[in-house]
Protein backbone atom coordinates (compact mmCIF):
# COMPACT_ATOMS: atom_id res chain seq x y z
CA MET A 1 0.03 0.00 0.00
CA SER A 2 1.41 3.39 -0.95
CA HIS A 3 1.36 6.35 1.43
CA PHE A 4 2.89 9.80 1.73
CA THR A 5 6.43 9.57 3.33
CA CYS A 6 7.85 12.35 5.55
CA VAL A 7 11.45 12.96 5.33
CA LYS A 8 13.36 14.84 7.99
CA THR A 9 15.30 17.94 7.00
CA LYS A 10 17.09 20.67 8.87
CA ILE A 11 15.18 23.41 7.07
CA LYS A 12 13.43 25.86 9.37
CA LYS A 13 12.82 29.13 7.50
CA LYS A 14 9.93 28.91 5.17
CA ASP A 15 10.87 32.14 3.26
CA PHE A 16 14.40 30.82 2.53
CA LEU A 17 12.86 27.35 1.50
CA ILE A 18 10.58 29.20 -1.05
CA LYS A 19 13.58 31.17 -2.39
CA ALA A 20 15.54 28.00 -2.70
CA LEU A 21 12.80 26.13 -4.61
CA ASN A 22 12.27 29.09 -6.92
CA THR A 23 16.14 29.20 -7.56
CA LEU A 24 15.86 25.66 -8.65
CA GLY A 25 13.09 26.31 -11.03
CA TYR A 26 10.01 25.13 -8.96
CA GLU A 27 7.04 27.27 -8.49
CA ALA A 28 6.40 27.07 -4.76
CA GLN A 29 2.79 27.40 -3.44
CA GLU A 30 1.93 28.02 0.07
CA ASN A 31 -0.77 26.03 2.17
CA VAL A 32 -1.67 23.36 -0.15
CA LEU A 33 -3.64 20.07 0.45
CA LEU A 34 -1.60 17.27 -1.26
CA ASP A 35 -3.71 15.13 -3.56
CA ASN A 36 -3.80 11.28 -3.52
CA PRO A 37 -2.42 9.96 -6.83
CA ASP A 38 -4.82 8.01 -8.90
CA ASP A 39 -5.71 4.71 -7.33
CA HIS A 40 -4.14 5.69 -4.02
CA ASP A 41 -6.25 5.94 -0.86
CA HIS A 42 -4.57 7.30 2.10
CA LYS A 43 -4.27 10.25 4.48
CA GLN A 44 -3.89 13.58 2.74
CA TRP A 45 -1.43 16.19 4.17
CA ASN A 46 -1.86 19.91 4.42
CA VAL A 47 1.69 21.47 3.69
CA GLU A 48 3.16 24.88 4.12
CA VAL A 49 4.87 24.73 0.89
CA ALA A 50 4.32 22.54 -2.15
CA ILE A 51 5.94 22.31 -5.56
CA THR A 52 3.44 19.87 -7.05
CA ASP A 53 0.03 18.20 -6.00
CA ASP A 54 1.93 15.40 -4.43
CA VAL A 55 5.27 16.93 -3.04
CA GLY A 56 5.56 19.54 -0.36
CA PHE A 57 7.10 20.45 3.04
CA LYS A 58 5.16 20.48 6.37
CA ARG A 59 6.11 21.80 9.69
CA SER A 60 7.13 19.05 12.16
CA GLN A 61 6.87 19.11 15.91
CA ASP A 62 10.61 20.14 16.27
CA GLY A 63 10.01 23.17 14.09
CA THR A 64 11.68 21.86 10.97
CA LEU A 65 10.01 21.73 7.52
CA GLU A 66 10.02 17.96 6.40
CA LEU A 67 9.44 16.75 2.93
CA VAL A 68 6.09 14.99 2.26
CA VAL A 69 6.21 12.90 -0.82
CA GLU A 70 4.22 9.97 -2.37
CA LEU A 71 7.37 7.98 -3.34
CA ASP A 72 5.41 5.73 -5.60
CA ALA A 73 4.37 8.76 -7.54
CA TRP A 74 7.70 10.65 -7.63
CA LYS A 75 8.03 12.24 -10.99
CA GLU A 76 11.00 14.53 -10.58
CA PRO A 77 14.10 13.98 -12.92
CA VAL A 78 16.49 13.12 -9.85
CA PRO A 79 15.96 10.70 -6.97
CA VAL A 80 14.42 12.15 -3.68
CA GLU A 81 17.77 12.16 -1.86
CA ARG A 82 19.46 14.22 -4.76
CA PHE A 83 16.42 16.59 -4.82
CA LEU A 84 16.79 17.22 -0.98
CA GLN A 85 20.54 17.77 -1.37
CA LYS A 86 19.94 20.36 -4.09
CA VAL A 87 17.17 22.15 -2.09
CA THR A 88 19.24 22.11 1.13
CA GLN A 89 22.24 23.58 -0.76
CA ALA A 90 20.13 26.29 -2.36
CA TYR A 91 18.48 26.92 1.01
CA ALA A 92 21.94 27.39 2.75
CA ARG A 93 23.10 29.56 -0.04
CA SER A 94 20.10 31.86 0.21
CA ILE A 95 20.64 32.31 4.02
CA VAL A 96 24.36 33.01 3.79
CA VAL A 97 23.99 35.56 0.97
CA GLU A 98 20.92 37.41 2.67
CA THR A 99 22.82 37.33 6.00
CA ALA A 100 26.10 38.78 4.48
CA GLN A 101 24.03 41.53 2.72
CA ASP A 102 22.19 42.38 5.79
CA LYS A 103 25.60 42.89 7.58
CA GLY A 104 26.87 45.18 4.72
CA PHE A 105 28.72 42.76 2.59
CA ASP A 106 28.42 42.37 -1.10
CA VAL A 107 28.96 39.10 -3.02
CA VAL A 108 32.02 39.68 -5.15
CA THR A 109 32.19 36.36 -6.78
CA GLU A 110 30.42 33.02 -6.77
CA SER A 111 31.58 29.81 -8.19
CA LYS A 112 30.59 26.13 -8.28
CA SER A 113 33.04 23.34 -8.37
CA VAL A 114 32.84 20.06 -10.12
CA ASP A 115 31.62 18.40 -6.97
CA ASN A 116 28.90 21.15 -6.66
CA THR A 117 30.56 22.84 -3.84
CA ILE A 118 29.63 26.67 -3.89
CA GLU A 119 32.21 29.13 -2.99
CA LEU A 120 31.09 32.75 -2.35
CA VAL A 121 33.61 35.58 -1.93
CA VAL A 122 32.08 38.64 -0.05
CA GLU A 123 33.52 41.91 0.80
CA LYS A 124 32.68 45.01 2.75
CA TRP A 125 33.94 48.45 2.19
């Protein structure tokens, strides 16, 4: 029997999650009731942020936003684990850049290495 699966993350800030998802090309929608895929009958989830009708993020008891996904209906071009890695990286980048800018720094250069590590150089005058 299929069901929605909740996958823990360390993501806490919804606004930065939305920025990260938008950066990755997803149209994030807020406060969505996830649909049951065809021929699936199980509990539906109301999520704070969704990227499709069956993939989203809900607030867990510890305050983090966890991924809620129907694994049997996953349609993204990468596996769930890689998707979460990309989202987490974009989320962290958004927080670092905004925090640096709030403290008066400007991003001078940004590069991505072959292993997908992001390097930011910031400066303050």
